[in-house]
N, C-alpha and C. Protein backbone atom coordinates (compact mmCIF):
# COMPACT_ATOMS: atom_id res chain seq x y z
N MET A 1 -94.51 254.98 -144.95
CA MET A 1 -93.36 254.12 -145.24
C MET A 1 -92.64 253.77 -143.93
N LEU A 2 -92.23 252.50 -143.79
CA LEU A 2 -91.56 252.07 -142.59
C LEU A 2 -90.14 252.62 -142.53
N SER A 3 -89.69 252.98 -141.32
CA SER A 3 -88.32 253.44 -141.16
C SER A 3 -87.38 252.26 -141.29
N GLU A 4 -86.10 252.56 -141.52
CA GLU A 4 -85.10 251.49 -141.65
C GLU A 4 -85.01 250.69 -140.36
N GLN A 5 -85.11 251.38 -139.21
CA GLN A 5 -85.02 250.68 -137.93
C GLN A 5 -86.21 249.73 -137.74
N THR A 6 -87.41 250.20 -138.11
CA THR A 6 -88.60 249.36 -137.99
C THR A 6 -88.48 248.14 -138.90
N THR A 7 -88.02 248.36 -140.13
CA THR A 7 -87.84 247.26 -141.07
C THR A 7 -86.86 246.24 -140.52
N ASN A 8 -85.76 246.71 -139.93
CA ASN A 8 -84.78 245.80 -139.34
C ASN A 8 -85.39 245.00 -138.20
N ASN A 9 -86.24 245.65 -137.40
CA ASN A 9 -86.90 244.95 -136.29
C ASN A 9 -87.79 243.83 -136.82
N TYR A 10 -88.55 244.11 -137.86
CA TYR A 10 -89.41 243.08 -138.44
C TYR A 10 -88.60 241.92 -138.99
N GLU A 11 -87.47 242.23 -139.60
CA GLU A 11 -86.62 241.15 -140.13
C GLU A 11 -86.07 240.30 -138.99
N LYS A 12 -85.74 240.93 -137.86
CA LYS A 12 -85.27 240.16 -136.70
C LYS A 12 -86.37 239.26 -136.17
N TRP A 13 -87.61 239.76 -136.17
CA TRP A 13 -88.73 238.92 -135.74
C TRP A 13 -88.91 237.74 -136.68
N CYS A 14 -88.71 237.97 -137.97
CA CYS A 14 -88.81 236.87 -138.93
C CYS A 14 -87.76 235.79 -138.63
N GLU A 15 -86.55 236.22 -138.28
CA GLU A 15 -85.51 235.25 -137.93
C GLU A 15 -85.92 234.44 -136.70
N GLU A 16 -86.51 235.12 -135.72
CA GLU A 16 -86.97 234.43 -134.51
C GLU A 16 -88.08 233.45 -134.84
N TRP A 17 -89.02 233.87 -135.70
CA TRP A 17 -90.10 232.97 -136.08
C TRP A 17 -89.57 231.79 -136.89
N GLY A 18 -88.53 231.99 -137.66
CA GLY A 18 -87.92 230.88 -138.37
C GLY A 18 -87.38 229.83 -137.41
N ARG A 19 -86.81 230.30 -136.31
CA ARG A 19 -86.32 229.36 -135.28
C ARG A 19 -87.49 228.66 -134.59
N ARG A 20 -88.58 229.39 -134.38
CA ARG A 20 -89.77 228.77 -133.77
C ARG A 20 -90.33 227.68 -134.68
N PHE A 21 -90.32 227.95 -135.97
CA PHE A 21 -90.83 226.96 -136.93
C PHE A 21 -90.12 225.62 -136.75
N LEU A 22 -88.82 225.66 -136.50
CA LEU A 22 -88.04 224.43 -136.37
C LEU A 22 -88.41 223.63 -135.13
N THR A 23 -89.11 224.24 -134.18
CA THR A 23 -89.54 223.52 -132.98
C THR A 23 -90.89 222.83 -133.18
N LEU A 24 -91.56 223.10 -134.29
CA LEU A 24 -92.89 222.55 -134.51
C LEU A 24 -92.83 221.13 -135.07
N ASP A 25 -93.84 220.34 -134.76
CA ASP A 25 -93.99 219.00 -135.32
C ASP A 25 -94.55 219.16 -136.73
N GLN A 26 -93.71 218.97 -137.73
CA GLN A 26 -94.12 219.25 -139.10
C GLN A 26 -95.18 218.28 -139.60
N GLU A 27 -95.16 217.05 -139.15
CA GLU A 27 -96.21 216.10 -139.54
C GLU A 27 -97.55 216.55 -138.97
N ALA A 28 -97.54 217.04 -137.75
CA ALA A 28 -98.78 217.53 -137.14
C ALA A 28 -99.28 218.78 -137.86
N LEU A 29 -98.35 219.63 -138.30
CA LEU A 29 -98.75 220.82 -139.05
C LEU A 29 -99.50 220.45 -140.32
N LEU A 30 -99.01 219.44 -141.03
CA LEU A 30 -99.63 219.03 -142.28
C LEU A 30 -101.07 218.56 -142.06
N LYS A 31 -101.35 218.01 -140.91
CA LYS A 31 -102.70 217.56 -140.59
C LYS A 31 -103.58 218.71 -140.09
N ARG A 32 -102.96 219.68 -139.44
CA ARG A 32 -103.73 220.73 -138.76
C ARG A 32 -104.00 221.96 -139.61
N VAL A 33 -103.06 222.34 -140.46
CA VAL A 33 -103.16 223.62 -141.18
C VAL A 33 -103.76 223.41 -142.56
N PRO A 34 -104.94 223.98 -142.83
CA PRO A 34 -105.57 223.81 -144.15
C PRO A 34 -104.68 224.37 -145.27
N GLY A 35 -104.55 223.61 -146.34
CA GLY A 35 -103.79 224.08 -147.50
C GLY A 35 -102.31 223.85 -147.43
N LEU A 36 -101.78 223.41 -146.29
CA LEU A 36 -100.35 223.17 -146.17
C LEU A 36 -100.01 221.83 -146.82
N THR A 37 -98.99 221.84 -147.69
CA THR A 37 -98.59 220.62 -148.39
C THR A 37 -97.08 220.41 -148.24
N GLU A 38 -96.65 219.22 -148.57
CA GLU A 38 -95.23 218.86 -148.51
C GLU A 38 -94.66 218.82 -149.92
N GLU A 39 -93.54 219.50 -150.10
CA GLU A 39 -92.86 219.51 -151.40
C GLU A 39 -91.38 219.23 -151.19
N GLY A 40 -91.02 217.97 -151.16
CA GLY A 40 -89.62 217.60 -150.96
C GLY A 40 -89.09 218.08 -149.62
N ASP A 41 -88.09 218.95 -149.65
CA ASP A 41 -87.48 219.46 -148.43
C ASP A 41 -88.22 220.66 -147.84
N CYS A 42 -89.40 220.93 -148.36
CA CYS A 42 -90.14 222.12 -147.92
C CYS A 42 -91.60 221.79 -147.60
N LEU A 43 -92.20 222.68 -146.83
CA LEU A 43 -93.65 222.72 -146.68
C LEU A 43 -94.12 223.94 -147.47
N ALA A 44 -95.25 223.83 -148.13
CA ALA A 44 -95.72 224.90 -149.01
C ALA A 44 -97.11 225.36 -148.63
N LEU A 45 -97.35 226.66 -148.84
CA LEU A 45 -98.62 227.26 -148.47
C LEU A 45 -98.93 228.39 -149.45
N VAL A 46 -100.18 228.48 -149.89
CA VAL A 46 -100.60 229.54 -150.80
C VAL A 46 -101.17 230.71 -150.00
N TYR A 47 -100.71 231.91 -150.36
CA TYR A 47 -101.13 233.13 -149.69
C TYR A 47 -101.40 234.17 -150.77
N PHE A 48 -102.65 234.63 -150.88
CA PHE A 48 -103.04 235.55 -151.96
C PHE A 48 -102.53 235.07 -153.32
N GLN A 49 -102.84 233.82 -153.63
CA GLN A 49 -102.57 233.20 -154.93
C GLN A 49 -101.10 232.91 -155.21
N GLN A 50 -100.21 233.19 -154.27
CA GLN A 50 -98.79 232.91 -154.47
C GLN A 50 -98.35 231.79 -153.53
N ARG A 51 -97.53 230.88 -154.04
CA ARG A 51 -97.07 229.74 -153.24
C ARG A 51 -95.73 230.06 -152.58
N TYR A 52 -95.71 229.90 -151.24
CA TYR A 52 -94.49 230.13 -150.46
C TYR A 52 -94.05 228.81 -149.83
N ARG A 53 -92.73 228.66 -149.68
CA ARG A 53 -92.18 227.41 -149.19
C ARG A 53 -91.34 227.64 -147.94
N PHE A 54 -91.59 226.80 -146.93
CA PHE A 54 -90.80 226.80 -145.68
C PHE A 54 -89.77 225.68 -145.79
N HIS A 55 -88.50 226.02 -145.69
CA HIS A 55 -87.47 224.99 -145.73
C HIS A 55 -87.45 224.24 -144.40
N LYS A 56 -87.60 222.93 -144.48
CA LYS A 56 -87.73 222.11 -143.27
C LYS A 56 -86.54 222.22 -142.34
N ARG A 57 -85.33 222.32 -142.89
CA ARG A 57 -84.12 222.28 -142.07
C ARG A 57 -83.66 223.65 -141.58
N THR A 58 -84.09 224.71 -142.24
CA THR A 58 -83.63 226.05 -141.84
C THR A 58 -84.75 226.93 -141.30
N GLY A 59 -86.00 226.63 -141.67
CA GLY A 59 -87.12 227.46 -141.26
C GLY A 59 -87.29 228.70 -142.11
N GLN A 60 -86.44 228.88 -143.11
CA GLN A 60 -86.53 230.07 -143.95
C GLN A 60 -87.67 229.94 -144.96
N ILE A 61 -88.20 231.09 -145.38
CA ILE A 61 -89.29 231.12 -146.35
C ILE A 61 -88.79 231.70 -147.67
N GLU A 62 -89.19 231.06 -148.75
CA GLU A 62 -88.89 231.62 -150.08
C GLU A 62 -90.20 231.78 -150.85
N GLY A 63 -90.23 232.79 -151.70
CA GLY A 63 -91.41 233.06 -152.49
C GLY A 63 -91.35 232.37 -153.84
N PRO A 64 -92.38 232.59 -154.66
CA PRO A 64 -92.41 231.98 -156.00
C PRO A 64 -91.22 232.44 -156.85
N GLU A 65 -90.69 231.55 -157.65
CA GLU A 65 -89.56 231.89 -158.52
C GLU A 65 -89.98 232.96 -159.51
N GLY A 66 -89.14 233.96 -159.67
CA GLY A 66 -89.42 235.03 -160.60
C GLY A 66 -90.16 236.20 -160.00
N PHE A 67 -90.55 236.10 -158.72
CA PHE A 67 -91.23 237.19 -158.04
C PHE A 67 -90.29 237.79 -156.99
N GLU A 68 -90.59 239.00 -156.57
CA GLU A 68 -89.77 239.64 -155.55
C GLU A 68 -89.86 238.86 -154.25
N ALA A 69 -88.82 238.98 -153.43
CA ALA A 69 -88.77 238.25 -152.16
C ALA A 69 -89.94 238.66 -151.27
N PRO A 70 -90.48 237.73 -150.50
CA PRO A 70 -91.61 238.08 -149.63
C PRO A 70 -91.21 239.13 -148.60
N SER A 71 -92.14 240.04 -148.32
CA SER A 71 -91.89 241.07 -147.32
C SER A 71 -91.87 240.46 -145.93
N ALA A 72 -91.39 241.24 -144.98
CA ALA A 72 -91.39 240.77 -143.58
C ALA A 72 -92.82 240.50 -143.11
N PHE A 73 -93.77 241.35 -143.52
CA PHE A 73 -95.16 241.14 -143.12
C PHE A 73 -95.70 239.82 -143.66
N THR A 74 -95.40 239.54 -144.92
CA THR A 74 -95.83 238.28 -145.51
C THR A 74 -95.26 237.10 -144.75
N LYS A 75 -93.97 237.14 -144.46
CA LYS A 75 -93.34 236.04 -143.74
C LYS A 75 -93.92 235.88 -142.34
N LEU A 76 -94.16 236.98 -141.66
CA LEU A 76 -94.73 236.89 -140.33
C LEU A 76 -96.13 236.28 -140.36
N ASN A 77 -96.93 236.65 -141.36
CA ASN A 77 -98.27 236.06 -141.47
C ASN A 77 -98.20 234.57 -141.76
N LEU A 78 -97.26 234.17 -142.58
CA LEU A 78 -97.08 232.74 -142.86
C LEU A 78 -96.66 231.98 -141.61
N TYR A 79 -95.70 232.51 -140.89
CA TYR A 79 -95.24 231.85 -139.67
C TYR A 79 -96.35 231.77 -138.62
N THR A 80 -97.06 232.88 -138.43
CA THR A 80 -98.05 232.90 -137.34
C THR A 80 -99.25 232.00 -137.63
N LEU A 81 -99.58 231.80 -138.92
CA LEU A 81 -100.64 230.84 -139.22
C LEU A 81 -100.24 229.45 -138.73
N LEU A 82 -99.01 229.04 -139.02
CA LEU A 82 -98.55 227.72 -138.59
C LEU A 82 -98.49 227.62 -137.07
N TRP A 83 -98.11 228.71 -136.42
CA TRP A 83 -97.92 228.68 -134.97
C TRP A 83 -99.25 228.68 -134.21
N TYR A 84 -100.20 229.48 -134.67
CA TYR A 84 -101.43 229.69 -133.90
C TYR A 84 -102.61 228.83 -134.35
N CYS A 85 -102.54 228.19 -135.50
CA CYS A 85 -103.67 227.42 -135.99
C CYS A 85 -104.05 226.33 -134.98
N GLN A 86 -105.29 226.38 -134.52
CA GLN A 86 -105.75 225.46 -133.49
C GLN A 86 -106.23 224.14 -134.08
N GLU A 87 -106.17 223.11 -133.28
CA GLU A 87 -106.54 221.76 -133.73
C GLU A 87 -107.97 221.71 -134.26
N GLN A 88 -108.89 222.37 -133.58
CA GLN A 88 -110.30 222.31 -133.95
C GLN A 88 -110.78 223.56 -134.69
N ALA A 89 -109.87 224.34 -135.23
CA ALA A 89 -110.25 225.55 -135.96
C ALA A 89 -111.14 225.19 -137.15
N ALA A 90 -112.17 226.01 -137.38
CA ALA A 90 -113.11 225.72 -138.46
C ALA A 90 -113.75 227.01 -138.96
N PHE A 91 -114.14 227.00 -140.22
CA PHE A 91 -114.89 228.10 -140.81
C PHE A 91 -116.30 228.05 -140.24
N LEU A 92 -116.82 229.19 -139.73
CA LEU A 92 -118.10 229.20 -139.04
C LEU A 92 -119.24 229.80 -139.85
N GLY A 93 -118.93 230.50 -140.93
CA GLY A 93 -119.97 231.03 -141.79
C GLY A 93 -120.66 232.27 -141.25
N GLU A 94 -120.09 232.90 -140.25
CA GLU A 94 -120.64 234.15 -139.70
C GLU A 94 -119.63 235.26 -139.97
N TRP A 95 -120.03 236.25 -140.78
CA TRP A 95 -119.10 237.30 -141.22
C TRP A 95 -119.22 238.52 -140.32
N LEU A 96 -118.05 239.00 -139.84
CA LEU A 96 -118.03 240.10 -138.89
C LEU A 96 -117.03 241.17 -139.30
N PRO A 97 -117.32 242.44 -138.97
CA PRO A 97 -116.27 243.48 -139.09
C PRO A 97 -115.14 243.15 -138.13
N PHE A 98 -113.96 243.64 -138.42
CA PHE A 98 -112.79 243.31 -137.61
C PHE A 98 -113.02 243.55 -136.13
N TYR A 99 -113.56 244.73 -135.77
CA TYR A 99 -113.66 245.07 -134.35
C TYR A 99 -114.63 244.18 -133.57
N ASN A 100 -115.44 243.36 -134.26
CA ASN A 100 -116.35 242.43 -133.57
C ASN A 100 -115.74 241.06 -133.37
N LEU A 101 -114.54 240.85 -133.88
CA LEU A 101 -113.87 239.57 -133.66
C LEU A 101 -113.36 239.48 -132.22
N LYS A 102 -113.20 238.27 -131.75
CA LYS A 102 -112.70 238.05 -130.39
C LYS A 102 -111.32 238.68 -130.21
N ASP A 103 -111.18 239.49 -129.15
CA ASP A 103 -109.91 240.12 -128.76
C ASP A 103 -109.40 241.16 -129.77
N ALA A 104 -110.27 241.63 -130.67
CA ALA A 104 -109.82 242.57 -131.70
C ALA A 104 -109.89 244.03 -131.26
N SER A 105 -110.65 244.35 -130.22
CA SER A 105 -110.91 245.75 -129.89
C SER A 105 -109.65 246.60 -129.67
N PRO A 106 -108.57 246.08 -129.07
CA PRO A 106 -107.38 246.93 -128.90
C PRO A 106 -106.77 247.39 -130.22
N PHE A 107 -107.00 246.62 -131.29
CA PHE A 107 -106.42 246.94 -132.59
C PHE A 107 -107.41 247.63 -133.52
N GLY A 108 -108.65 247.82 -133.04
CA GLY A 108 -109.70 248.38 -133.88
C GLY A 108 -109.42 249.76 -134.43
N PRO A 109 -108.99 250.73 -133.60
CA PRO A 109 -108.73 252.07 -134.13
C PRO A 109 -107.65 252.08 -135.21
N ALA A 110 -106.58 251.32 -135.01
CA ALA A 110 -105.51 251.27 -136.01
C ALA A 110 -106.00 250.61 -137.29
N PHE A 111 -106.85 249.60 -137.16
CA PHE A 111 -107.40 248.94 -138.34
C PHE A 111 -108.27 249.91 -139.13
N ARG A 112 -109.08 250.68 -138.44
CA ARG A 112 -109.92 251.66 -139.11
C ARG A 112 -109.07 252.71 -139.84
N LYS A 113 -108.08 253.26 -139.15
CA LYS A 113 -107.28 254.34 -139.72
C LYS A 113 -106.37 253.87 -140.85
N ASN A 114 -105.71 252.74 -140.66
CA ASN A 114 -104.65 252.33 -141.59
C ASN A 114 -105.07 251.30 -142.62
N VAL A 115 -106.30 250.81 -142.51
CA VAL A 115 -106.77 249.86 -143.52
C VAL A 115 -108.09 250.35 -144.13
N ILE A 116 -109.13 250.46 -143.34
CA ILE A 116 -110.45 250.79 -143.88
C ILE A 116 -110.47 252.19 -144.50
N ASP A 117 -109.97 253.17 -143.78
CA ASP A 117 -109.97 254.53 -144.33
C ASP A 117 -109.10 254.64 -145.57
N VAL A 118 -107.98 253.94 -145.58
CA VAL A 118 -107.09 253.95 -146.75
C VAL A 118 -107.77 253.26 -147.93
N TYR A 119 -108.46 252.16 -147.66
CA TYR A 119 -109.22 251.45 -148.69
C TYR A 119 -110.23 252.38 -149.35
N ALA A 120 -111.03 253.07 -148.54
CA ALA A 120 -112.06 253.97 -149.08
C ALA A 120 -111.44 255.11 -149.90
N ALA A 121 -110.39 255.71 -149.37
CA ALA A 121 -109.76 256.84 -150.05
C ALA A 121 -109.08 256.42 -151.35
N THR A 122 -108.44 255.26 -151.33
CA THR A 122 -107.70 254.80 -152.51
C THR A 122 -108.62 254.56 -153.70
N PHE A 123 -109.77 253.95 -153.46
CA PHE A 123 -110.64 253.58 -154.57
C PHE A 123 -111.81 254.54 -154.79
N SER A 124 -111.83 255.65 -154.05
CA SER A 124 -112.88 256.65 -154.27
C SER A 124 -112.83 257.14 -155.72
N GLY A 125 -113.95 256.99 -156.45
CA GLY A 125 -113.98 257.38 -157.85
C GLY A 125 -113.34 256.40 -158.80
N HIS A 126 -112.95 255.22 -158.29
CA HIS A 126 -112.26 254.22 -159.13
C HIS A 126 -112.96 252.88 -159.03
N LEU A 127 -114.27 252.88 -159.18
CA LEU A 127 -115.06 251.66 -159.02
C LEU A 127 -114.68 250.60 -160.05
N ASN A 128 -114.54 251.00 -161.30
CA ASN A 128 -114.20 250.03 -162.34
C ASN A 128 -112.85 249.38 -162.09
N GLU A 129 -111.90 250.20 -161.65
CA GLU A 129 -110.56 249.66 -161.35
C GLU A 129 -110.63 248.65 -160.20
N LEU A 130 -111.49 248.92 -159.22
CA LEU A 130 -111.61 248.00 -158.08
C LEU A 130 -112.22 246.67 -158.53
N HIS A 131 -113.25 246.72 -159.36
CA HIS A 131 -113.83 245.48 -159.88
C HIS A 131 -112.76 244.65 -160.57
N ALA A 132 -111.99 245.27 -161.44
CA ALA A 132 -110.96 244.55 -162.19
C ALA A 132 -109.88 244.00 -161.26
N ALA A 133 -109.48 244.78 -160.26
CA ALA A 133 -108.44 244.34 -159.34
C ALA A 133 -108.90 243.14 -158.52
N CYS A 134 -110.13 243.19 -158.02
CA CYS A 134 -110.67 242.08 -157.23
C CYS A 134 -110.74 240.81 -158.07
N GLN A 135 -111.15 240.94 -159.31
CA GLN A 135 -111.23 239.78 -160.19
C GLN A 135 -109.84 239.21 -160.47
N SER A 136 -108.83 240.08 -160.57
CA SER A 136 -107.47 239.61 -160.84
C SER A 136 -106.91 238.82 -159.67
N LEU A 137 -107.45 239.05 -158.47
CA LEU A 137 -107.02 238.29 -157.29
C LEU A 137 -107.92 237.09 -157.02
N GLY A 138 -108.73 236.74 -158.01
CA GLY A 138 -109.59 235.57 -157.88
C GLY A 138 -110.81 235.82 -157.04
N GLY A 139 -111.22 237.09 -156.90
CA GLY A 139 -112.34 237.43 -156.04
C GLY A 139 -113.66 236.87 -156.54
N LEU A 140 -114.49 236.42 -155.60
CA LEU A 140 -115.83 235.94 -155.88
C LEU A 140 -116.80 237.10 -155.68
N LYS A 141 -117.54 237.48 -156.72
CA LYS A 141 -118.44 238.62 -156.65
C LYS A 141 -119.56 238.35 -155.67
N LEU A 142 -119.85 239.37 -154.84
CA LEU A 142 -120.90 239.29 -153.83
C LEU A 142 -122.01 240.29 -154.15
N PRO A 143 -123.23 240.00 -153.74
CA PRO A 143 -124.34 240.92 -153.99
C PRO A 143 -124.44 242.00 -152.92
N HIS A 144 -123.33 242.46 -152.41
CA HIS A 144 -123.30 243.46 -151.35
C HIS A 144 -122.45 244.64 -151.79
N SER A 145 -122.91 245.84 -151.54
CA SER A 145 -122.18 247.08 -151.80
C SER A 145 -122.01 247.31 -153.30
N ASP A 146 -121.34 248.41 -153.66
CA ASP A 146 -121.09 248.71 -155.08
C ASP A 146 -120.05 247.78 -155.68
N ALA A 147 -119.12 247.35 -154.86
CA ALA A 147 -118.12 246.37 -155.29
C ALA A 147 -117.81 245.49 -154.09
N GLY A 148 -118.42 244.32 -154.06
CA GLY A 148 -118.21 243.38 -152.96
C GLY A 148 -117.62 242.09 -153.49
N TYR A 149 -116.48 241.67 -152.92
CA TYR A 149 -115.80 240.46 -153.38
C TYR A 149 -115.24 239.68 -152.19
N GLU A 150 -115.35 238.37 -152.30
CA GLU A 150 -114.69 237.50 -151.33
C GLU A 150 -113.36 237.05 -151.93
N ILE A 151 -112.28 237.35 -151.22
CA ILE A 151 -110.92 237.04 -151.69
C ILE A 151 -110.21 236.20 -150.63
N ARG A 152 -109.57 235.13 -151.07
CA ARG A 152 -108.86 234.27 -150.13
C ARG A 152 -107.44 234.79 -149.91
N SER A 153 -107.09 234.91 -148.64
CA SER A 153 -105.69 235.13 -148.32
C SER A 153 -105.06 233.74 -148.21
N PHE A 154 -105.29 233.06 -147.09
CA PHE A 154 -105.01 231.63 -146.97
C PHE A 154 -106.30 230.87 -147.29
N ASP A 155 -106.18 229.57 -147.53
CA ASP A 155 -107.37 228.76 -147.79
C ASP A 155 -108.39 228.89 -146.67
N CYS A 156 -107.91 229.01 -145.46
CA CYS A 156 -108.78 229.02 -144.29
C CYS A 156 -109.18 230.43 -143.85
N ILE A 157 -108.66 231.47 -144.53
CA ILE A 157 -108.97 232.84 -144.11
C ILE A 157 -109.37 233.67 -145.33
N PRO A 158 -110.63 233.53 -145.76
CA PRO A 158 -111.14 234.42 -146.80
C PRO A 158 -111.51 235.78 -146.18
N LEU A 159 -111.46 236.82 -146.98
CA LEU A 159 -111.86 238.16 -146.55
C LEU A 159 -112.93 238.66 -147.51
N ARG A 160 -113.87 239.43 -146.99
CA ARG A 160 -114.88 240.05 -147.84
C ARG A 160 -114.62 241.55 -147.90
N PHE A 161 -114.18 242.00 -149.07
CA PHE A 161 -113.91 243.41 -149.31
C PHE A 161 -115.18 244.07 -149.84
N LEU A 162 -115.71 245.05 -149.10
CA LEU A 162 -116.91 245.76 -149.49
C LEU A 162 -116.59 247.23 -149.72
N PHE A 163 -117.22 247.81 -150.74
CA PHE A 163 -116.91 249.20 -151.10
C PHE A 163 -118.14 249.89 -151.66
N TRP A 164 -118.40 251.10 -151.17
CA TRP A 164 -119.46 251.96 -151.66
C TRP A 164 -118.81 253.24 -152.18
N ASP A 165 -118.97 253.53 -153.45
CA ASP A 165 -118.29 254.69 -154.02
C ASP A 165 -118.95 255.98 -153.58
N MET A 166 -118.22 257.06 -153.73
CA MET A 166 -118.73 258.38 -153.35
C MET A 166 -119.90 258.77 -154.25
N ASP A 167 -120.76 259.64 -153.72
CA ASP A 167 -121.80 260.25 -154.54
C ASP A 167 -121.90 261.73 -154.15
N GLU A 168 -122.95 262.38 -154.55
CA GLU A 168 -123.06 263.81 -154.30
C GLU A 168 -123.22 264.14 -152.83
N GLU A 169 -123.64 263.17 -152.03
CA GLU A 169 -123.90 263.43 -150.61
C GLU A 169 -122.86 262.82 -149.68
N PHE A 170 -122.30 261.69 -150.05
CA PHE A 170 -121.45 260.96 -149.11
C PHE A 170 -120.10 260.62 -149.74
N PRO A 171 -119.05 260.61 -148.92
CA PRO A 171 -117.74 260.15 -149.42
C PRO A 171 -117.76 258.64 -149.58
N ALA A 172 -116.76 258.11 -150.24
CA ALA A 172 -116.64 256.65 -150.39
C ALA A 172 -116.51 256.00 -149.01
N GLN A 173 -117.08 254.80 -148.91
CA GLN A 173 -117.01 254.03 -147.68
C GLN A 173 -116.58 252.60 -147.99
N ALA A 174 -115.98 251.97 -147.01
CA ALA A 174 -115.49 250.61 -147.23
C ALA A 174 -115.54 249.81 -145.94
N ASN A 175 -115.46 248.51 -146.07
CA ASN A 175 -115.34 247.64 -144.92
C ASN A 175 -114.71 246.32 -145.37
N ILE A 176 -114.16 245.60 -144.43
CA ILE A 176 -113.62 244.27 -144.69
C ILE A 176 -114.16 243.34 -143.62
N LEU A 177 -114.80 242.25 -144.04
CA LEU A 177 -115.39 241.31 -143.10
C LEU A 177 -114.56 240.03 -143.03
N PHE A 178 -114.60 239.41 -141.85
CA PHE A 178 -113.87 238.17 -141.60
C PHE A 178 -114.84 237.12 -141.06
N ASP A 179 -114.57 235.87 -141.37
CA ASP A 179 -115.34 234.80 -140.75
C ASP A 179 -115.02 234.78 -139.25
N LYS A 180 -116.04 234.54 -138.45
CA LYS A 180 -115.87 234.54 -137.00
C LYS A 180 -114.79 233.56 -136.55
N GLY A 181 -114.62 232.47 -137.31
CA GLY A 181 -113.63 231.46 -136.92
C GLY A 181 -112.21 231.80 -137.29
N SER A 182 -111.98 232.94 -137.96
CA SER A 182 -110.62 233.30 -138.40
C SER A 182 -109.64 233.36 -137.24
N VAL A 183 -110.10 233.84 -136.08
CA VAL A 183 -109.20 234.01 -134.94
C VAL A 183 -108.75 232.67 -134.35
N ASN A 184 -109.35 231.57 -134.79
CA ASN A 184 -108.90 230.25 -134.34
C ASN A 184 -107.81 229.67 -135.25
N PHE A 185 -107.59 230.34 -136.37
CA PHE A 185 -106.52 229.91 -137.28
C PHE A 185 -105.24 230.72 -137.09
N ILE A 186 -105.39 231.97 -136.64
CA ILE A 186 -104.23 232.86 -136.58
C ILE A 186 -104.48 233.91 -135.51
N HIS A 187 -103.43 234.52 -135.00
CA HIS A 187 -103.58 235.58 -134.00
C HIS A 187 -104.36 236.74 -134.61
N VAL A 188 -105.27 237.32 -133.82
CA VAL A 188 -106.13 238.38 -134.36
C VAL A 188 -105.33 239.56 -134.90
N GLU A 189 -104.18 239.88 -134.31
CA GLU A 189 -103.37 241.00 -134.79
C GLU A 189 -102.86 240.73 -136.21
N SER A 190 -102.62 239.46 -136.54
CA SER A 190 -102.16 239.13 -137.89
C SER A 190 -103.23 239.42 -138.93
N LEU A 191 -104.50 239.40 -138.54
CA LEU A 191 -105.57 239.70 -139.50
C LEU A 191 -105.47 241.15 -139.98
N VAL A 192 -104.91 242.03 -139.15
CA VAL A 192 -104.72 243.42 -139.56
C VAL A 192 -103.76 243.49 -140.74
N THR A 193 -102.63 242.81 -140.63
CA THR A 193 -101.65 242.87 -141.71
C THR A 193 -102.08 242.05 -142.92
N ILE A 194 -102.85 240.99 -142.70
CA ILE A 194 -103.39 240.24 -143.84
C ILE A 194 -104.30 241.14 -144.67
N ALA A 195 -105.20 241.86 -144.01
CA ALA A 195 -106.09 242.78 -144.72
C ALA A 195 -105.30 243.89 -145.39
N SER A 196 -104.27 244.38 -144.71
CA SER A 196 -103.44 245.45 -145.26
C SER A 196 -102.70 244.98 -146.51
N GLU A 197 -102.19 243.75 -146.47
CA GLU A 197 -101.50 243.23 -147.66
C GLU A 197 -102.47 242.98 -148.80
N GLY A 198 -103.69 242.53 -148.48
CA GLY A 198 -104.69 242.36 -149.51
C GLY A 198 -105.03 243.68 -150.18
N LEU A 199 -105.17 244.73 -149.36
CA LEU A 199 -105.46 246.06 -149.90
C LEU A 199 -104.32 246.55 -150.79
N ALA A 200 -103.09 246.34 -150.37
CA ALA A 200 -101.93 246.76 -151.18
C ALA A 200 -101.91 246.03 -152.52
N LEU A 201 -102.26 244.75 -152.52
CA LEU A 201 -102.31 243.99 -153.77
C LEU A 201 -103.41 244.52 -154.69
N LEU A 202 -104.55 244.89 -154.11
CA LEU A 202 -105.63 245.44 -154.92
C LEU A 202 -105.22 246.77 -155.55
N ALA A 203 -104.59 247.63 -154.76
CA ALA A 203 -104.14 248.92 -155.30
C ALA A 203 -103.11 248.72 -156.41
N LYS A 204 -102.19 247.78 -156.20
CA LYS A 204 -101.17 247.50 -157.22
C LYS A 204 -101.82 246.99 -158.50
N ALA A 205 -102.79 246.07 -158.36
CA ALA A 205 -103.46 245.53 -159.54
C ALA A 205 -104.25 246.60 -160.28
N ALA A 206 -104.76 247.59 -159.53
CA ALA A 206 -105.54 248.67 -160.13
C ALA A 206 -104.66 249.78 -160.69
N GLY A 207 -103.36 249.74 -160.37
CA GLY A 207 -102.45 250.80 -160.81
C GLY A 207 -102.67 252.10 -160.08
N LEU A 208 -103.08 251.99 -158.79
CA LEU A 208 -103.37 253.18 -158.00
C LEU A 208 -102.43 253.25 -156.79
N PRO A 209 -102.04 254.46 -156.39
CA PRO A 209 -101.24 254.59 -155.16
C PRO A 209 -102.15 254.46 -153.95
N LEU A 210 -101.64 253.88 -152.89
CA LEU A 210 -102.39 253.83 -151.64
C LEU A 210 -102.50 255.22 -151.04
N MET A 211 -103.70 255.62 -150.68
CA MET A 211 -103.93 256.94 -150.16
C MET A 211 -103.86 256.96 -148.64
N GLY A 212 -102.66 256.70 -148.12
CA GLY A 212 -102.45 256.69 -146.69
C GLY A 212 -101.44 255.62 -146.30
N ASN A 213 -101.12 255.58 -145.04
CA ASN A 213 -100.14 254.61 -144.52
C ASN A 213 -100.84 253.33 -144.08
N THR A 214 -100.32 252.20 -144.52
CA THR A 214 -100.87 250.91 -144.14
C THR A 214 -99.80 250.11 -143.42
N PHE A 215 -100.12 248.84 -143.13
CA PHE A 215 -99.19 247.96 -142.44
C PHE A 215 -98.47 247.02 -143.40
N SER A 216 -98.40 247.39 -144.68
CA SER A 216 -97.74 246.49 -145.63
C SER A 216 -96.58 247.22 -146.31
């Protein structure tokens, strides 16, 4: 669980990113960022099946009506997609573990400890719950692992959640794959929190507690 001081720091970063948003050419964003649309006084973007809106004049983000307010991590991921998305960014069709992505190695150990290991521990012995949770998030079933699903975070950043349940010889194992081109849409560090938020949503949908500390 994040400390109050850490939470306050993240909220301050969100305020800073809101100010950065106001410096961006919003017409150019609509052309450059996949899935970004215009809705009156806002720009809108879908993230893990939920629509979030950026207010054009304030830079503030609001979540879907009737849902809890977006977390600082969610807001930071939304802002950084708009900020870092490159003009020629494209889906490349080559799926890689996180640590094989460009510039990901400094974040690899934390990703393993706080995302992959937590994923494996959370769903160990809960294969049926994982299937149902992935399907509830619109996951596309894959012919890989005991439970393999492709789930979209943003339109341009799908993730492949792979899971092998425990047996008499081995503990549960897991992995999350990214398209090689993901780092051209968003900063590689943001992919850590995107995966972490996806994992938290899966655990919530399955009715299971996360078995460890994550970045969400």
